[in-house]
Amino acid sequence: AVVNYLKETGDWSFLGRVVPFYDEGESDVLDHVIRACDYVLSQLTENHLPQFGPGDWNDTLDYVGRKGIGESVWVGHFLCYILRETAALLDQVAAQSFCPSVAYVRETAARYRAEYDLVKAALNDRCWDGEWYIRGIRDDGDVIGSSRNKEGRIFMNAQSWAVISGVAEENRAKTAMDSADRLLTTSRGPKILSPSYTQVDSGIGLATRCVPGKKENGAIFNHVAAWAILANCIIGEGNRAYSYYRKTLPMVQADPDPDLYRMEPYVYSAYVTSDDHPTFGQASHSWLTGSGVWMFRGGLDYILGVRPTYSGLIINPCIPDNWEGYKAVRKFRGATYEIEVRNPDHVQHGVARLEIDGKPVEGNVLPVVEKGRTARVLCVMGKRR
């Protein structure tokens, strides 16, 4: 959240705001960020992987690591993402006039990059299953999310976040997302895991007690689908990313049979029952999910490919190859960018040419323009010549 706020606003004074800790004392936002990273690093196992504890993002995997031994692959991916983003943030902080100690900030950035490399290596060495990443390692040493498992063989989050974090490099990233698409996709969107659990497993937890095809036991989880959209855009799979985006739109999910869908067609539900249950297509828990904001980011930041960075706006579309292009208007730091994207070669990704107000831009990052100004942007997709 801190990184995204700073990329959007350029408000570096935010890092100096003093806020309280939960228990006692207070410190500035930058110190909170560093302490949070250091705490997670202090909880790594001897294998340099994060402890699973009583669940991670998926709190129904609540007995995988109850004894403090089990390891979470998803948290490993997420930690790598945070370390990479925080190191880049600290690079920016070192160049700011308010920086409390340039040497300390640069040393911390270097330390986080070193830790990133260690966790990434552990994930690739210990958690790659051959065609996808496992989801975790239990207290008893058994794995979940593996081809060796009869049920719960593959989890989407372990694949999408491997890509988002950069843990999975090019070939492995494509293999993982192709496996997820092949094994998890339905006509209404991708499932959180497959096959659904049909037997209670006390070494895994509540997920195995949920009805197969519902909730965290094999449902089409919209929050999970949103991250899959980001990951597919990162590897250039525009057709697949848009397919997931469209399938999981509430009005699309509700359209075939509103009486079956049961929820509002104008707001995301937490999940839709998958094809592992007779009520395939029935939604539940509307207004109770972070899916909306992540789908917004998936659509705007990754499919349309217009997203903020510290130095300007990235233009990096990842769209279906049958699109001729699109037009968008983006407000950014008090200025307006009127963007036209053309796709003459019908590619899914790649920027051949980028212009702002008729002038060529090297790379694909638009500069920050003056507040109140309207800049006209032309992006031609294809291969750079």
Protein backbone atom coordinates (compact mmCIF):
# COMPACT_ATOMS: atom_id res chain seq x y z
CA ALA A 1 0.00 0.00 0.00
CA VAL A 2 2.81 2.44 0.87
CA VAL A 3 4.66 1.73 -2.37
CA ASN A 4 1.54 2.10 -4.51
CA TYR A 5 0.57 5.33 -2.76
CA LEU A 6 4.00 6.84 -3.41
CA LYS A 7 4.06 5.75 -7.04
CA GLU A 8 0.65 7.34 -7.56
CA THR A 9 1.21 10.61 -5.70
CA GLY A 10 4.95 11.24 -5.41
CA ASP A 11 4.19 12.41 -1.85
CA TRP A 12 7.46 11.52 -0.14
CA SER A 13 6.51 13.43 3.01
CA PHE A 14 4.17 10.53 3.79
CA LEU A 15 7.12 8.39 4.87
CA GLY A 16 7.93 10.88 7.61
CA ARG A 17 4.51 10.77 9.24
CA VAL A 18 4.67 9.43 12.79
CA VAL A 19 2.12 6.73 13.58
CA PRO A 20 1.70 4.52 16.68
CA PHE A 21 2.55 0.85 17.00
CA TYR A 22 -0.22 -1.54 18.02
CA ASP A 23 1.23 -2.19 21.48
CA GLU A 24 3.17 0.92 22.51
CA GLY A 25 5.43 3.61 21.14
CA GLU A 26 5.43 5.26 17.74
CA SER A 27 7.67 5.83 14.74
CA ASP A 28 7.57 7.14 11.18
CA VAL A 29 6.02 5.22 8.30
CA LEU A 30 9.39 4.32 6.78
CA ASP A 31 10.49 2.69 10.03
CA HIS A 32 7.21 0.76 10.19
CA VAL A 33 7.87 -0.59 6.68
CA ILE A 34 11.42 -1.69 7.54
CA ARG A 35 10.38 -3.27 10.85
CA ALA A 36 7.60 -5.23 9.12
CA CYS A 37 10.06 -6.68 6.60
CA ASP A 38 12.61 -7.48 9.29
CA TYR A 39 10.02 -9.24 11.45
CA VAL A 40 9.02 -11.59 8.63
CA LEU A 41 12.67 -12.28 7.84
CA SER A 42 13.22 -13.18 11.51
CA GLN A 43 10.53 -15.87 11.24
CA LEU A 44 12.08 -17.87 8.39
CA THR A 45 12.73 -21.57 8.89
CA GLU A 46 16.13 -23.23 8.56
CA ASN A 47 15.23 -23.80 4.88
CA HIS A 48 14.92 -20.02 4.42
CA LEU A 49 11.18 -20.27 3.86
CA PRO A 50 8.40 -18.51 5.82
CA GLN A 51 6.54 -20.38 8.54
CA PHE A 52 2.97 -21.29 7.65
CA GLY A 53 1.58 -20.75 11.12
CA PRO A 54 -2.22 -20.98 11.61
CA GLY A 55 -2.90 -20.08 7.97
CA ASP A 56 -1.68 -17.37 5.60
CA TRP A 57 -3.81 -15.43 3.09
CA ASN A 58 -5.82 -18.63 2.91
CA ASP A 59 -6.82 -18.86 6.56
CA THR A 60 -8.60 -22.18 6.01
CA LEU A 61 -5.20 -23.88 5.66
CA ASP A 62 -5.10 -23.38 9.40
CA TYR A 63 -3.42 -26.61 10.52
CA VAL A 64 -0.60 -26.81 7.98
CA GLY A 65 1.82 -25.05 10.31
CA ARG A 66 0.27 -25.02 13.79
CA LYS A 67 3.41 -26.49 15.36
CA GLY A 68 5.67 -23.84 13.86
CA ILE A 69 7.33 -26.26 11.44
CA GLY A 70 5.19 -26.03 8.30
CA GLU A 71 6.25 -23.67 5.51
CA SER A 72 4.13 -21.46 3.24
CA VAL A 73 5.18 -21.22 -0.39
CA TRP A 74 2.68 -18.45 -1.07
CA VAL A 75 4.08 -16.32 1.77
CA GLY A 76 7.52 -16.98 0.31
CA HIS A 77 6.40 -15.55 -3.03
CA PHE A 78 4.69 -12.63 -1.31
CA LEU A 79 7.76 -11.93 0.83
CA CYS A 80 9.93 -11.83 -2.29
CA TYR A 81 7.52 -9.34 -3.86
CA ILE A 82 7.65 -7.15 -0.75
CA LEU A 83 11.45 -7.33 -0.50
CA ARG A 84 11.86 -6.38 -4.16
CA GLU A 85 9.42 -3.47 -3.89
CA THR A 86 10.86 -2.24 -0.59
CA ALA A 87 14.44 -2.33 -1.91
CA ALA A 88 13.35 -0.24 -4.90
CA LEU A 89 11.54 2.13 -2.53
CA LEU A 90 14.68 2.54 -0.43
CA ASP A 91 16.68 3.38 -3.57
CA GLN A 92 14.28 6.27 -4.10
CA VAL A 93 14.43 7.31 -0.43
CA ALA A 94 18.24 7.51 -0.56
CA ALA A 95 17.91 10.23 -3.21
CA GLN A 96 15.45 12.35 -1.17
CA SER A 97 16.55 15.36 0.87
CA PHE A 98 14.77 14.10 4.00
CA CYS A 99 16.64 10.76 4.01
CA PRO A 100 17.73 10.20 7.65
CA SER A 101 20.83 8.18 6.75
CA VAL A 102 21.80 7.45 3.16
CA ALA A 103 24.27 4.74 4.23
CA TYR A 104 21.67 2.94 6.39
CA VAL A 105 19.00 3.11 3.70
CA ARG A 106 21.33 1.78 1.00
CA GLU A 107 22.62 -0.95 3.29
CA THR A 108 19.04 -2.03 4.07
CA ALA A 109 18.14 -2.10 0.36
CA ALA A 110 21.18 -4.27 -0.36
CA ARG A 111 20.29 -6.59 2.54
CA TYR A 112 16.74 -7.02 1.24
CA ARG A 113 18.01 -7.86 -2.24
CA ALA A 114 20.31 -10.49 -0.76
CA GLU A 115 17.42 -11.97 1.24
CA TYR A 116 15.26 -11.92 -1.90
CA ASP A 117 17.85 -14.03 -3.70
CA LEU A 118 18.03 -16.53 -0.82
CA VAL A 119 14.25 -16.97 -0.50
CA LYS A 120 13.85 -17.15 -4.29
CA ALA A 121 16.50 -19.88 -4.48
CA ALA A 122 14.82 -21.85 -1.68
CA LEU A 123 11.45 -21.65 -3.42
CA ASN A 124 12.85 -22.80 -6.74
CA ASP A 125 15.06 -25.51 -5.27
CA ARG A 126 12.58 -26.99 -2.78
CA CYS A 127 9.09 -26.06 -3.99
CA TRP A 128 9.02 -26.61 -7.76
CA ASP A 129 7.02 -29.76 -8.49
CA GLY A 130 7.96 -30.20 -12.14
CA GLU A 131 5.04 -28.36 -13.76
CA TRP A 132 3.95 -26.01 -10.98
CA TYR A 133 4.86 -24.79 -7.49
CA ILE A 134 3.57 -26.64 -4.44
CA ARG A 135 1.42 -24.68 -1.97
CA GLY A 136 3.20 -25.56 1.24
CA ILE A 137 4.92 -28.05 3.50
CA ARG A 138 3.05 -29.40 6.52
CA ASP A 139 4.28 -29.75 10.08
CA ASP A 140 4.66 -33.49 9.43
CA GLY A 141 6.78 -32.91 6.32
CA ASP A 142 4.12 -33.85 3.76
CA VAL A 143 3.46 -31.38 0.94
CA ILE A 144 0.21 -29.82 -0.27
CA GLY A 145 -0.47 -28.62 -3.79
CA SER A 146 1.71 -31.31 -5.36
CA SER A 147 1.25 -33.83 -8.16
CA ARG A 148 1.86 -36.42 -5.43
CA ASN A 149 -1.41 -35.42 -3.73
CA LYS A 150 -4.69 -37.10 -4.66
CA GLU A 151 -6.70 -33.97 -3.76
CA GLY A 152 -5.61 -30.34 -3.62
CA ARG A 153 -2.91 -31.07 -6.21
CA ILE A 154 -2.55 -27.51 -7.53
CA PHE A 155 -3.34 -24.08 -6.06
CA MET A 156 -3.62 -20.97 -8.24
CA ASN A 157 -2.02 -18.55 -5.76
CA ALA A 158 1.23 -20.51 -5.68
CA GLN A 159 1.52 -20.05 -9.46
CA SER A 160 0.31 -16.47 -9.89
CA TRP A 161 2.43 -15.03 -7.09
CA ALA A 162 5.50 -16.89 -8.32
CA VAL A 163 5.13 -14.75 -11.44
CA ILE A 164 4.12 -11.50 -9.72
CA SER A 165 7.10 -11.73 -7.37
CA GLY A 166 9.65 -12.63 -10.04
CA VAL A 167 10.45 -15.93 -8.31
CA ALA A 168 9.48 -17.84 -11.45
CA GLU A 169 11.63 -16.79 -14.37
CA GLU A 170 10.46 -16.89 -17.98
CA ASN A 171 10.20 -20.61 -18.82
CA ARG A 172 9.07 -21.70 -15.38
CA ALA A 173 6.58 -18.82 -15.17
CA LYS A 174 4.92 -19.88 -18.41
CA THR A 175 4.88 -23.55 -17.40
CA ALA A 176 3.28 -22.75 -14.03
CA MET A 177 0.56 -20.52 -15.50
CA ASP A 178 -0.13 -22.95 -18.35
CA SER A 179 -0.54 -25.75 -15.79
CA ALA A 180 -2.89 -23.60 -13.72
CA ASP A 181 -4.96 -22.73 -16.77
CA ARG A 182 -5.18 -26.36 -17.86
CA LEU A 183 -6.13 -27.73 -14.44
CA LEU A 184 -8.10 -24.90 -12.82
CA THR A 185 -10.06 -23.04 -15.51
CA THR A 186 -13.84 -23.40 -15.84
CA SER A 187 -16.41 -21.64 -18.00
CA ARG A 188 -16.95 -19.17 -15.14
CA GLY A 189 -13.34 -18.52 -14.19
CA PRO A 190 -10.37 -20.24 -12.53
CA LYS A 191 -10.67 -22.25 -9.32
CA ILE A 192 -8.63 -21.63 -6.18
CA LEU A 193 -7.46 -25.27 -6.13
CA SER A 194 -8.16 -28.62 -7.71
CA PRO A 195 -9.28 -31.31 -7.18
CA SER A 196 -11.47 -30.27 -4.26
CA TYR A 197 -10.97 -32.10 -0.97
CA THR A 198 -13.55 -34.81 -0.28
CA GLN A 199 -11.96 -36.12 2.93
CA VAL A 200 -11.26 -34.17 6.11
CA ASP A 201 -7.52 -33.84 6.71
CA SER A 202 -6.56 -32.65 10.20
CA GLY A 203 -3.06 -31.82 8.94
CA ILE A 204 -4.47 -29.23 6.52
CA GLY A 205 -7.46 -27.73 8.25
CA LEU A 206 -10.78 -26.06 7.56
CA ALA A 207 -10.43 -26.06 3.76
CA THR A 208 -10.93 -29.84 3.82
CA ARG A 209 -14.11 -29.45 5.89
CA CYS A 210 -15.75 -27.10 3.36
CA VAL A 211 -18.17 -28.56 0.83
CA PRO A 212 -16.28 -29.52 -2.37
CA GLY A 213 -16.55 -26.71 -4.93
CA LYS A 214 -17.46 -24.05 -2.36
CA LYS A 215 -15.43 -21.49 -0.44
CA GLU A 216 -11.72 -22.26 -0.18
CA ASN A 217 -12.31 -25.87 -1.20
CA GLY A 218 -12.25 -25.50 -4.97
CA ALA A 219 -14.54 -22.52 -5.59
CA ILE A 220 -13.96 -19.84 -8.22
CA PHE A 221 -12.47 -17.27 -5.86
CA ASN A 222 -12.58 -13.83 -7.47
CA HIS A 223 -9.70 -12.49 -5.38
CA VAL A 224 -7.57 -15.38 -6.63
CA ALA A 225 -8.71 -14.83 -10.22
CA ALA A 226 -7.62 -11.18 -10.03
CA TRP A 227 -4.05 -12.17 -9.15
CA ALA A 228 -4.10 -14.70 -11.99
CA ILE A 229 -5.00 -11.85 -14.35
CA LEU A 230 -1.95 -9.86 -13.20
CA ALA A 231 0.33 -12.86 -13.60
CA ASN A 232 -0.89 -13.64 -17.10
CA CYS A 233 -0.37 -10.04 -18.16
CA ILE A 234 3.19 -10.14 -16.80
CA ILE A 235 4.00 -13.12 -19.05
CA GLY A 236 2.21 -11.55 -22.02
CA GLU A 237 -0.88 -13.78 -22.11
CA GLY A 238 -3.42 -11.10 -23.04
CA ASN A 239 -6.04 -13.47 -24.41
CA ARG A 240 -6.05 -15.50 -21.21
CA ALA A 241 -5.96 -12.49 -18.90
CA TYR A 242 -8.96 -10.89 -20.58
CA SER A 243 -10.81 -14.21 -20.65
CA TYR A 244 -10.43 -14.50 -16.85
CA TYR A 245 -11.41 -10.85 -16.42
CA ARG A 246 -14.56 -11.16 -18.49
CA LYS A 247 -15.65 -14.51 -17.06
CA THR A 248 -15.49 -13.21 -13.50
CA LEU A 249 -17.36 -9.93 -14.06
CA PRO A 250 -20.46 -10.07 -11.81
CA MET A 251 -22.86 -9.20 -14.62
CA VAL A 252 -21.36 -11.94 -16.80
CA GLN A 253 -21.49 -14.52 -14.02
CA ALA A 254 -25.10 -13.57 -13.23
CA ASP A 255 -26.34 -13.36 -16.82
CA PRO A 256 -27.07 -17.01 -17.70
CA ASP A 257 -29.27 -17.62 -14.65
CA PRO A 258 -29.80 -14.81 -12.09
CA ASP A 259 -31.88 -17.11 -9.90
CA LEU A 260 -28.95 -19.50 -9.65
CA TYR A 261 -26.38 -16.72 -9.17
CA ARG A 262 -28.44 -15.21 -6.28
CA MET A 263 -26.20 -12.18 -5.64
CA GLU A 264 -26.10 -8.59 -6.92
CA PRO A 265 -24.84 -8.36 -10.53
CA TYR A 266 -23.10 -5.03 -9.85
CA VAL A 267 -20.64 -6.01 -7.11
CA TYR A 268 -18.09 -8.79 -6.76
CA SER A 269 -18.86 -11.77 -4.56
CA ALA A 270 -16.10 -13.54 -2.70
CA TYR A 271 -16.61 -16.69 -4.74
CA VAL A 272 -18.79 -18.57 -7.17
CA THR A 273 -19.42 -22.30 -6.74
CA SER A 274 -17.29 -24.31 -9.17
CA ASP A 275 -18.04 -27.33 -11.32
CA ASP A 276 -17.11 -29.55 -8.36
CA HIS A 277 -20.60 -28.86 -6.92
CA PRO A 278 -24.15 -29.26 -8.31
CA THR A 279 -24.83 -25.50 -7.84
CA PHE A 280 -22.04 -24.52 -10.27
CA GLY A 281 -22.38 -20.77 -10.85
CA GLN A 282 -23.98 -19.81 -7.52
CA ALA A 283 -22.34 -16.79 -5.85
CA SER A 284 -21.83 -16.08 -2.16
CA HIS A 285 -20.48 -13.43 0.22
CA SER A 286 -21.01 -10.29 -1.84
CA TRP A 287 -19.60 -7.01 -0.46
CA LEU A 288 -17.14 -9.10 1.55
CA THR A 289 -14.04 -9.31 -0.62
CA GLY A 290 -11.02 -7.37 -1.80
CA SER A 291 -11.71 -8.54 -5.35
CA GLY A 292 -13.09 -5.20 -6.55
CA VAL A 293 -9.90 -3.20 -6.13
CA TRP A 294 -7.71 -6.00 -7.47
CA MET A 295 -9.93 -6.42 -10.53
CA PHE A 296 -9.71 -2.65 -11.03
CA ARG A 297 -5.93 -2.93 -10.97
CA GLY A 298 -6.03 -5.96 -13.25
CA GLY A 299 -8.16 -4.16 -15.82
CA LEU A 300 -6.55 -0.71 -15.72
CA ASP A 301 -2.97 -1.33 -14.61
CA TYR A 302 -2.29 -4.60 -16.39
CA ILE A 303 -4.72 -5.33 -19.26
CA LEU A 304 -4.84 -1.71 -20.42
CA GLY A 305 -1.34 -1.51 -18.97
CA VAL A 306 -1.43 2.06 -17.68
CA ARG A 307 0.10 2.12 -14.21
CA PRO A 308 2.13 4.50 -12.08
CA THR A 309 5.77 4.24 -11.17
CA TYR A 310 8.03 6.62 -9.26
CA SER A 311 9.17 8.45 -12.39
CA GLY A 312 5.98 8.50 -14.45
CA LEU A 313 3.31 6.35 -16.07
CA ILE A 314 4.14 2.94 -17.50
CA ILE A 315 2.36 2.12 -20.76
CA ASN A 316 2.51 -1.64 -21.25
CA PRO A 317 -0.76 -3.06 -22.64
CA CYS A 318 -1.53 -6.78 -22.52
CA ILE A 319 -4.73 -7.22 -24.49
CA PRO A 320 -6.54 -9.82 -26.61
CA ASP A 321 -4.94 -10.09 -30.04
CA ASN A 322 -8.26 -9.40 -31.77
CA TRP A 323 -8.42 -5.87 -30.33
CA GLU A 324 -7.64 -3.07 -32.77
CA GLY A 325 -6.62 -0.92 -29.81
CA TYR A 326 -8.31 1.32 -27.28
CA LYS A 327 -8.45 4.84 -25.88
CA ALA A 328 -8.14 5.80 -22.22
CA VAL A 329 -7.93 8.92 -20.09
CA ARG A 330 -5.71 8.74 -17.00
CA LYS A 331 -5.42 11.39 -14.30
CA PHE A 332 -1.95 11.35 -12.75
CA ARG A 333 -0.43 13.79 -10.26
CA GLY A 334 -2.71 16.63 -11.30
CA ALA A 335 -2.27 16.17 -15.05
CA THR A 336 -4.43 14.42 -17.66
CA TYR A 337 -3.08 11.85 -20.11
CA GLU A 338 -5.25 11.17 -23.17
CA ILE A 339 -3.98 7.81 -24.40
CA GLU A 340 -4.56 6.12 -27.73
CA VAL A 341 -3.27 2.58 -28.19
CA ARG A 342 -3.13 1.01 -31.65
CA ASN A 343 -2.59 -2.68 -32.34
CA PRO A 344 -1.96 -2.96 -36.11
CA ASP A 345 -0.13 -6.30 -35.88
CA HIS A 346 -2.74 -7.85 -33.56
CA VAL A 347 -0.28 -8.83 -30.85
CA GLN A 348 -1.09 -9.49 -27.19
CA HIS A 349 1.71 -7.38 -25.74
CA GLY A 350 4.75 -5.31 -26.63
CA VAL A 351 5.25 -1.61 -27.37
CA ALA A 352 6.81 -0.76 -30.75
CA ARG A 353 6.50 3.01 -30.47
CA LEU A 354 5.48 5.50 -27.79
CA GLU A 355 4.94 9.24 -28.20
CA ILE A 356 3.83 12.07 -25.94
CA ASP A 357 2.62 15.25 -27.64
CA GLY A 358 4.17 14.02 -30.86
CA LYS A 359 7.63 13.44 -29.38
CA PRO A 360 9.13 9.92 -29.15
CA VAL A 361 9.63 8.33 -25.73
CA GLU A 362 12.46 5.88 -25.13
CA GLY A 363 11.22 2.78 -23.36
CA ASN A 364 7.63 2.68 -22.13
CA VAL A 365 7.51 5.16 -19.22
CA LEU A 366 5.80 8.51 -19.80
CA PRO A 367 7.33 11.45 -17.92
CA VAL A 368 5.42 13.36 -15.24
CA VAL A 369 3.92 16.49 -16.81
CA GLU A 370 2.89 19.74 -15.16
CA LYS A 371 -0.26 19.90 -13.06
CA GLY A 372 -3.27 21.09 -14.99
CA ARG A 373 -1.82 20.11 -18.35
CA THR A 374 -3.32 17.60 -20.82
CA ALA A 375 -0.79 15.37 -22.59
CA ARG A 376 -1.68 13.38 -25.70
CA VAL A 377 -0.14 9.93 -25.88
CA LEU A 378 0.15 7.51 -28.79
CA CYS A 379 1.22 3.91 -28.20
CA VAL A 380 1.68 1.54 -31.14
CA MET A 381 1.90 -2.10 -30.10
CA GLY A 382 4.29 -4.58 -31.70
CA LYS A 383 8.02 -5.27 -31.66
CA ARG A 384 10.46 -2.40 -31.28
CA ARG A 385 12.30 -1.83 -34.54
